[in-house]
Amino acid sequence: MMSKYPKLWLFIFAVAALCFSCNTARSGVKQANMLADVDPFSIGSVVASFDRILYPDVEQADVEVIFYPRENEVALKFKYTTLQYWQFWDEEGRRQFIDALNRYKEDFANQRLLTSYNRSRAIYGMAKRRCEWKTTSFSISATYRSSPVIELGYRFRGNSPYFSTYQNEAREETGSNPDGITKSNIVIMYFTRAQGEDLARLFDQAYLLELLGDISSQNNAESSRDVYIEK
């Protein structure tokens, strides 16, 4: 049959080889950071504060923390104004957050905090992150994506200082914007020292690996139980 349709078989082999090559390249990129072939799952929630529109103070909101083992990323899922956000932090970014928080606590303890936010908002460095968002007004809406720079620092609101992450505007990257959206918005998250420590614990790589170990042990136990039942 192969000799009867040589051109057809050559075409099939070429397509198969191309697909294998493409899949291998994609898989190689994913596996570079992959910790385990496990679906994303929630690892808890923290409290943060956001600016109130037209008000000088801030208001607290719950932030869900979701772990993506295949990408070795942690997403902060929260609602701000009329939008639902997913702010992704890779391993290096999480380390930067923890280091910045520790430096902030040291400056706080030694009364070295500045009152000018222009000078303090990126005082502990910057990290380029991935962000996704969609409107919360409709059950089905387009999801947008950008890669904003997040500045790590602190800010006084009233008489109270907060550790802060300042997400800058960034170009929308999907190119599919039926709502005419061309860039992501500025989003500032504020943390007290205790709230920052809560998130730092969930950002800790050793803790995330421990969670994966627990899941692996649980899956192994369930597999052993299934095998026993089948016998």
C-alpha atoms as a PDB file:
ATOM      1  CA  MET A   1       0.000   0.000   0.000  1.00  0.00           C
ATOM      2  CA  MET A   2       2.833   2.345   0.801  1.00  0.00           C
ATOM      3  CA  SER A   3       4.410   1.763  -2.638  1.00  0.00           C
ATOM      4  CA  LYS A   4       1.029   2.389  -4.283  1.00  0.00           C
ATOM      5  CA  TYR A   5       0.663   5.870  -2.725  1.00  0.00           C
ATOM      6  CA  PRO A   6       4.235   7.095  -2.172  1.00  0.00           C
ATOM      7  CA  LYS A   7       3.423  10.808  -2.237  1.00  0.00           C
ATOM      8  CA  LEU A   8       0.574  10.403   0.239  1.00  0.00           C
ATOM      9  CA  TRP A   9       2.766   8.512   2.711  1.00  0.00           C
ATOM     10  CA  LEU A  10       5.570  11.026   2.359  1.00  0.00           C
ATOM     11  CA  PHE A  11       3.099  13.786   3.136  1.00  0.00           C
ATOM     12  CA  ILE A  12       1.770  11.946   6.217  1.00  0.00           C
ATOM     13  CA  PHE A  13       5.285  11.309   7.512  1.00  0.00           C
ATOM     14  CA  ALA A  14       6.244  14.956   6.991  1.00  0.00           C
ATOM     15  CA  VAL A  15       3.181  16.212   8.879  1.00  0.00           C
ATOM     16  CA  ALA A  16       3.749  13.715  11.712  1.00  0.00           C
ATOM     17  CA  ALA A  17       7.400  14.732  12.013  1.00  0.00           C
ATOM     18  CA  LEU A  18       6.441  18.410  12.087  1.00  0.00           C
ATOM     19  CA  CYS A  19       3.812  17.838  14.775  1.00  0.00           C
ATOM     20  CA  PHE A  20       6.263  15.812  16.862  1.00  0.00           C
ATOM     21  CA  SER A  21       8.865  18.550  16.521  1.00  0.00           C
ATOM     22  CA  CYS A  22       6.407  21.275  17.545  1.00  0.00           C
ATOM     23  CA  ASN A  23       5.061  19.282  20.489  1.00  0.00           C
ATOM     24  CA  THR A  24       8.586  18.520  21.680  1.00  0.00           C
ATOM     25  CA  ALA A  25       9.535  22.193  21.570  1.00  0.00           C
ATOM     26  CA  ARG A  26       6.433  23.226  23.517  1.00  0.00           C
ATOM     27  CA  SER A  27       6.874  20.424  25.991  1.00  0.00           C
ATOM     28  CA  GLY A  28      10.509  21.351  26.503  1.00  0.00           C
ATOM     29  CA  VAL A  29       9.565  24.925  27.367  1.00  0.00           C
ATOM     30  CA  LYS A  30       6.913  23.747  29.830  1.00  0.00           C
ATOM     31  CA  GLN A  31       9.113  21.142  31.436  1.00  0.00           C
ATOM     32  CA  ALA A  32      11.939  23.605  32.030  1.00  0.00           C
ATOM     33  CA  ASN A  33      10.054  24.906  35.093  1.00  0.00           C
ATOM     34  CA  MET A  34       7.572  22.085  35.685  1.00  0.00           C
ATOM     35  CA  LEU A  35       7.562  20.641  39.197  1.00  0.00           C
ATOM     36  CA  ALA A  36       4.848  18.032  38.640  1.00  0.00           C
ATOM     37  CA  ASP A  37       2.200  17.113  36.095  1.00  0.00           C
ATOM     38  CA  VAL A  38      -0.574  18.287  38.411  1.00  0.00           C
ATOM     39  CA  ASP A  39      -3.523  20.586  37.692  1.00  0.00           C
ATOM     40  CA  PRO A  40      -3.591  24.033  39.375  1.00  0.00           C
ATOM     41  CA  PHE A  41      -5.119  24.064  42.857  1.00  0.00           C
ATOM     42  CA  SER A  42      -5.908  26.620  45.537  1.00  0.00           C
ATOM     43  CA  ILE A  43      -3.489  26.705  48.461  1.00  0.00           C
ATOM     44  CA  GLY A  44      -5.365  29.236  50.567  1.00  0.00           C
ATOM     45  CA  SER A  45      -6.171  32.925  50.684  1.00  0.00           C
ATOM     46  CA  VAL A  46      -4.699  36.096  52.147  1.00  0.00           C
ATOM     47  CA  VAL A  47      -5.996  39.560  52.871  1.00  0.00           C
ATOM     48  CA  ALA A  48      -4.698  42.625  51.056  1.00  0.00           C
ATOM     49  CA  SER A  49      -5.910  46.190  50.630  1.00  0.00           C
ATOM     50  CA  PHE A  50      -6.662  48.182  47.486  1.00  0.00           C
ATOM     51  CA  ASP A  51      -7.260  51.839  46.691  1.00  0.00           C
ATOM     52  CA  ARG A  52     -10.869  52.932  46.965  1.00  0.00           C
ATOM     53  CA  ILE A  53     -12.041  54.856  43.940  1.00  0.00           C
ATOM     54  CA  LEU A  54     -12.684  58.523  44.846  1.00  0.00           C
ATOM     55  CA  TYR A  55     -11.685  57.888  48.479  1.00  0.00           C
ATOM     56  CA  PRO A  56      -8.354  58.645  50.164  1.00  0.00           C
ATOM     57  CA  ASP A  57      -8.223  55.401  52.158  1.00  0.00           C
ATOM     58  CA  VAL A  58      -7.936  51.709  51.273  1.00  0.00           C
ATOM     59  CA  GLU A  59     -10.258  48.748  51.670  1.00  0.00           C
ATOM     60  CA  GLN A  60      -9.456  45.136  52.394  1.00  0.00           C
ATOM     61  CA  ALA A  61     -10.288  42.227  50.118  1.00  0.00           C
ATOM     62  CA  ASP A  62      -9.641  38.497  50.035  1.00  0.00           C
ATOM     63  CA  VAL A  63      -7.028  37.254  47.579  1.00  0.00           C
ATOM     64  CA  GLU A  64      -7.094  33.600  46.550  1.00  0.00           C
ATOM     65  CA  VAL A  65      -3.676  31.973  46.081  1.00  0.00           C
ATOM     66  CA  ILE A  66      -3.487  29.302  43.352  1.00  0.00           C
ATOM     67  CA  PHE A  67      -0.509  27.033  42.688  1.00  0.00           C
ATOM     68  CA  TYR A  68       0.368  25.987  39.107  1.00  0.00           C
ATOM     69  CA  PRO A  69       2.824  23.053  39.449  1.00  0.00           C
ATOM     70  CA  ARG A  70       3.334  22.624  35.693  1.00  0.00           C
ATOM     71  CA  GLU A  71       4.590  26.195  35.351  1.00  0.00           C
ATOM     72  CA  ASN A  72       6.029  26.514  38.890  1.00  0.00           C
ATOM     73  CA  GLU A  73       3.964  29.679  39.286  1.00  0.00           C
ATOM     74  CA  VAL A  74       1.616  31.020  41.931  1.00  0.00           C
ATOM     75  CA  ALA A  75      -1.323  33.208  40.893  1.00  0.00           C
ATOM     76  CA  LEU A  76      -2.997  35.819  43.056  1.00  0.00           C
ATOM     77  CA  LYS A  77      -6.670  35.892  42.084  1.00  0.00           C
ATOM     78  CA  PHE A  78      -8.620  38.969  43.143  1.00  0.00           C
ATOM     79  CA  LYS A  79     -11.337  41.377  42.085  1.00  0.00           C
ATOM     80  CA  TYR A  80     -10.600  45.071  41.708  1.00  0.00           C
ATOM     81  CA  THR A  81     -13.169  47.575  40.391  1.00  0.00           C
ATOM     82  CA  THR A  82     -15.152  45.607  37.769  1.00  0.00           C
ATOM     83  CA  LEU A  83     -12.315  43.274  36.807  1.00  0.00           C
ATOM     84  CA  GLN A  84     -11.134  39.815  37.864  1.00  0.00           C
ATOM     85  CA  TYR A  85      -7.335  39.548  37.959  1.00  0.00           C
ATOM     86  CA  TRP A  86      -4.811  36.710  37.978  1.00  0.00           C
ATOM     87  CA  GLN A  87      -1.339  38.002  38.846  1.00  0.00           C
ATOM     88  CA  PHE A  88       1.292  35.302  38.262  1.00  0.00           C
ATOM     89  CA  TRP A  89       4.515  35.016  40.266  1.00  0.00           C
ATOM     90  CA  ASP A  90       7.283  32.649  39.178  1.00  0.00           C
ATOM     91  CA  GLU A  91       9.894  31.258  41.567  1.00  0.00           C
ATOM     92  CA  GLU A  92      12.317  34.145  41.109  1.00  0.00           C
ATOM     93  CA  GLY A  93       9.547  36.700  41.563  1.00  0.00           C
ATOM     94  CA  ARG A  94       8.390  35.002  44.745  1.00  0.00           C
ATOM     95  CA  ARG A  95      11.926  35.155  46.111  1.00  0.00           C
ATOM     96  CA  GLN A  96      12.038  38.858  45.278  1.00  0.00           C
ATOM     97  CA  PHE A  97       8.764  39.403  47.140  1.00  0.00           C
ATOM     98  CA  ILE A  98      10.020  37.612  50.251  1.00  0.00           C
ATOM     99  CA  ASP A  99      13.369  39.435  50.223  1.00  0.00           C
ATOM    100  CA  ALA A 100      11.629  42.798  49.726  1.00  0.00           C
ATOM    101  CA  LEU A 101       9.228  42.113  52.599  1.00  0.00           C
ATOM    102  CA  ASN A 102      12.130  41.233  54.918  1.00  0.00           C
ATOM    103  CA  ARG A 103      13.930  44.463  53.982  1.00  0.00           C
ATOM    104  CA  TYR A 104      10.725  46.423  54.598  1.00  0.00           C
ATOM    105  CA  LYS A 105      10.297  44.895  58.057  1.00  0.00           C
ATOM    106  CA  GLU A 106      13.893  45.797  58.866  1.00  0.00           C
ATOM    107  CA  ASP A 107      13.406  49.410  57.701  1.00  0.00           C
ATOM    108  CA  PHE A 108      10.146  49.578  59.647  1.00  0.00           C
ATOM    109  CA  ALA A 109      11.814  48.339  62.844  1.00  0.00           C
ATOM    110  CA  ASN A 110      14.661  50.826  62.440  1.00  0.00           C
ATOM    111  CA  GLN A 111      12.341  53.752  61.586  1.00  0.00           C
ATOM    112  CA  ARG A 112      13.924  54.294  58.161  1.00  0.00           C
ATOM    113  CA  LEU A 113      10.679  54.591  56.178  1.00  0.00           C
ATOM    114  CA  LEU A 114      10.273  57.444  53.678  1.00  0.00           C
ATOM    115  CA  THR A 115       7.006  59.338  53.277  1.00  0.00           C
ATOM    116  CA  SER A 116       7.427  60.026  49.547  1.00  0.00           C
ATOM    117  CA  TYR A 117       5.863  57.207  47.484  1.00  0.00           C
ATOM    118  CA  ASN A 118       7.776  58.317  44.392  1.00  0.00           C
ATOM    119  CA  ARG A 119      10.955  57.371  46.266  1.00  0.00           C
ATOM    120  CA  SER A 120       9.649  54.306  48.102  1.00  0.00           C
ATOM    121  CA  ARG A 121       7.399  52.457  45.653  1.00  0.00           C
ATOM    122  CA  ALA A 122      10.297  50.618  43.929  1.00  0.00           C
ATOM    123  CA  ILE A 123      12.863  50.906  46.696  1.00  0.00           C
ATOM    124  CA  TYR A 124      13.194  47.104  46.990  1.00  0.00           C
ATOM    125  CA  GLY A 125      13.375  46.412  43.270  1.00  0.00           C
ATOM    126  CA  MET A 126      11.175  45.486  40.313  1.00  0.00           C
ATOM    127  CA  ALA A 127       9.952  42.245  38.776  1.00  0.00           C
ATOM    128  CA  LYS A 128       8.324  41.610  35.396  1.00  0.00           C
ATOM    129  CA  ARG A 129       5.272  39.445  35.869  1.00  0.00           C
ATOM    130  CA  ARG A 130       2.434  37.959  33.853  1.00  0.00           C
ATOM    131  CA  CYS A 131      -1.100  39.182  34.389  1.00  0.00           C
ATOM    132  CA  GLU A 132      -4.493  38.112  33.086  1.00  0.00           C
ATOM    133  CA  TRP A 133      -7.831  39.808  33.608  1.00  0.00           C
ATOM    134  CA  LYS A 134     -11.446  39.782  32.500  1.00  0.00           C
ATOM    135  CA  THR A 135     -14.554  41.755  33.268  1.00  0.00           C
ATOM    136  CA  THR A 136     -16.764  40.549  36.109  1.00  0.00           C
ATOM    137  CA  SER A 137     -19.880  42.140  34.587  1.00  0.00           C
ATOM    138  CA  PHE A 138     -20.650  39.132  32.378  1.00  0.00           C
ATOM    139  CA  SER A 139     -20.421  35.396  33.000  1.00  0.00           C
ATOM    140  CA  ILE A 140     -18.661  34.953  29.635  1.00  0.00           C
ATOM    141  CA  SER A 141     -16.112  37.566  28.603  1.00  0.00           C
ATOM    142  CA  ALA A 142     -12.756  37.797  26.903  1.00  0.00           C
ATOM    143  CA  THR A 143      -9.620  37.141  28.947  1.00  0.00           C
ATOM    144  CA  TYR A 144      -6.770  39.592  28.390  1.00  0.00           C
ATOM    145  CA  ARG A 145      -3.074  39.231  29.087  1.00  0.00           C
ATOM    146  CA  SER A 146      -0.088  41.516  29.674  1.00  0.00           C
ATOM    147  CA  SER A 147       3.417  41.392  31.149  1.00  0.00           C
ATOM    148  CA  PRO A 148       3.605  44.356  33.538  1.00  0.00           C
ATOM    149  CA  VAL A 149       6.538  45.440  35.666  1.00  0.00           C
ATOM    150  CA  ILE A 150       5.706  45.240  39.371  1.00  0.00           C
ATOM    151  CA  GLU A 151       7.546  47.562  41.741  1.00  0.00           C
ATOM    152  CA  LEU A 152       8.226  46.407  45.301  1.00  0.00           C
ATOM    153  CA  GLY A 153       8.208  49.019  48.034  1.00  0.00           C
ATOM    154  CA  TYR A 154       5.923  50.635  50.571  1.00  0.00           C
ATOM    155  CA  ARG A 155       3.495  53.510  50.986  1.00  0.00           C
ATOM    156  CA  PHE A 156       1.892  55.510  53.758  1.00  0.00           C
ATOM    157  CA  ARG A 157      -1.889  55.684  53.633  1.00  0.00           C
ATOM    158  CA  GLY A 158      -2.948  58.124  56.303  1.00  0.00           C
ATOM    159  CA  ASN A 159      -0.566  57.503  59.190  1.00  0.00           C
ATOM    160  CA  SER A 160      -0.174  53.817  58.429  1.00  0.00           C
ATOM    161  CA  PRO A 161       2.629  52.353  56.291  1.00  0.00           C
ATOM    162  CA  TYR A 162       1.958  49.376  54.026  1.00  0.00           C
ATOM    163  CA  PHE A 163       4.255  47.092  52.091  1.00  0.00           C
ATOM    164  CA  SER A 164       3.121  47.485  48.475  1.00  0.00           C
ATOM    165  CA  THR A 165       3.267  45.935  45.020  1.00  0.00           C
ATOM    166  CA  TYR A 166       2.750  48.490  42.251  1.00  0.00           C
ATOM    167  CA  GLN A 167       1.640  46.861  38.986  1.00  0.00           C
ATOM    168  CA  ASN A 168       2.362  49.245  36.109  1.00  0.00           C
ATOM    169  CA  GLU A 169       0.387  49.608  32.914  1.00  0.00           C
ATOM    170  CA  ALA A 170       1.421  47.209  30.138  1.00  0.00           C
ATOM    171  CA  ARG A 171       0.435  46.473  26.547  1.00  0.00           C
ATOM    172  CA  GLU A 172      -2.371  43.951  26.060  1.00  0.00           C
ATOM    173  CA  GLU A 173      -0.828  40.921  24.342  1.00  0.00           C
ATOM    174  CA  THR A 174      -3.627  38.716  23.008  1.00  0.00           C
ATOM    175  CA  GLY A 175      -4.520  41.123  20.194  1.00  0.00           C
ATOM    176  CA  SER A 176      -8.140  40.016  20.499  1.00  0.00           C
ATOM    177  CA  ASN A 177      -9.786  42.939  22.201  1.00  0.00           C
ATOM    178  CA  PRO A 178     -13.479  43.290  21.300  1.00  0.00           C
ATOM    179  CA  ASP A 179     -13.837  45.823  24.133  1.00  0.00           C
ATOM    180  CA  GLY A 180     -11.112  48.060  22.686  1.00  0.00           C
ATOM    181  CA  ILE A 181      -8.727  47.314  25.564  1.00  0.00           C
ATOM    182  CA  THR A 182      -5.104  48.048  24.624  1.00  0.00           C
ATOM    183  CA  LYS A 183      -3.346  47.903  27.993  1.00  0.00           C
ATOM    184  CA  SER A 184      -3.675  46.668  31.557  1.00  0.00           C
ATOM    185  CA  ASN A 185      -4.439  49.041  34.411  1.00  0.00           C
ATOM    186  CA  ILE A 186      -2.305  50.161  37.314  1.00  0.00           C
ATOM    187  CA  VAL A 187      -3.088  47.998  40.344  1.00  0.00           C
ATOM    188  CA  ILE A 188      -1.554  48.611  43.776  1.00  0.00           C
ATOM    189  CA  MET A 189      -1.820  45.998  46.510  1.00  0.00           C
ATOM    190  CA  TYR A 190      -1.111  46.946  50.130  1.00  0.00           C
ATOM    191  CA  PHE A 191      -0.066  44.568  52.902  1.00  0.00           C
ATOM    192  CA  THR A 192       0.454  45.005  56.609  1.00  0.00           C
ATOM    193  CA  ARG A 193       3.520  43.172  57.867  1.00  0.00           C
ATOM    194  CA  ALA A 194       1.367  40.277  59.105  1.00  0.00           C
ATOM    195  CA  GLN A 195      -0.530  40.065  55.804  1.00  0.00           C
ATOM    196  CA  GLY A 196       2.734  40.136  53.869  1.00  0.00           C
ATOM    197  CA  GLU A 197       4.083  37.306  56.018  1.00  0.00           C
ATOM    198  CA  ASP A 198       0.947  35.260  55.292  1.00  0.00           C
ATOM    199  CA  LEU A 199       1.599  35.550  51.561  1.00  0.00           C
ATOM    200  CA  ALA A 200       5.340  34.975  51.949  1.00  0.00           C
ATOM    201  CA  ARG A 201       4.587  31.619  53.599  1.00  0.00           C
ATOM    202  CA  LEU A 202       2.495  30.570  50.607  1.00  0.00           C
ATOM    203  CA  PHE A 203       5.185  31.871  48.222  1.00  0.00           C
ATOM    204  CA  ASP A 204       7.928  29.801  49.872  1.00  0.00           C
ATOM    205  CA  GLN A 205       9.299  27.210  47.454  1.00  0.00           C
ATOM    206  CA  ALA A 206       9.997  24.638  50.173  1.00  0.00           C
ATOM    207  CA  TYR A 207       6.376  24.860  51.306  1.00  0.00           C
ATOM    208  CA  LEU A 208       5.096  24.385  47.745  1.00  0.00           C
ATOM    209  CA  LEU A 209       7.307  21.332  47.260  1.00  0.00           C
ATOM    210  CA  GLU A 210       5.998  19.945  50.549  1.00  0.00           C
ATOM    211  CA  LEU A 211       2.430  20.318  49.251  1.00  0.00           C
ATOM    212  CA  LEU A 212       3.356  18.406  46.101  1.00  0.00           C
ATOM    213  CA  GLY A 213       4.943  15.694  48.223  1.00  0.00           C
ATOM    214  CA  ASP A 214       1.727  15.353  50.208  1.00  0.00           C
ATOM    215  CA  ILE A 215      -0.309  15.096  46.991  1.00  0.00           C
ATOM    216  CA  SER A 216       2.076  12.483  45.587  1.00  0.00           C
ATOM    217  CA  SER A 217       1.828  10.419  48.794  1.00  0.00           C
ATOM    218  CA  GLN A 218      -1.952  10.669  48.734  1.00  0.00           C
ATOM    219  CA  ASN A 219      -2.119   9.611  45.071  1.00  0.00           C
ATOM    220  CA  ASN A 220       0.203   6.657  45.732  1.00  0.00           C
ATOM    221  CA  ALA A 221      -1.940   5.564  48.658  1.00  0.00           C
ATOM    222  CA  GLU A 222      -5.090   5.764  46.538  1.00  0.00           C
ATOM    223  CA  SER A 223      -3.419   3.793  43.732  1.00  0.00           C
ATOM    224  CA  SER A 224      -2.364   1.079  46.186  1.00  0.00           C
ATOM    225  CA  ARG A 225      -5.878   0.922  47.590  1.00  0.00           C
ATOM    226  CA  ASP A 226      -7.373   0.620  44.079  1.00  0.00           C
ATOM    227  CA  VAL A 227      -4.985  -2.223  43.239  1.00  0.00           C
ATOM    228  CA  TYR A 228      -5.942  -4.021  46.453  1.00  0.00           C
ATOM    229  CA  ILE A 229      -9.658  -3.631  45.723  1.00  0.00           C
ATOM    230  CA  GLU A 230      -9.242  -4.988  42.184  1.00  0.00           C
ATOM    231  CA  LYS A 231      -7.545  -8.115  43.531  1.00  0.00           C
END
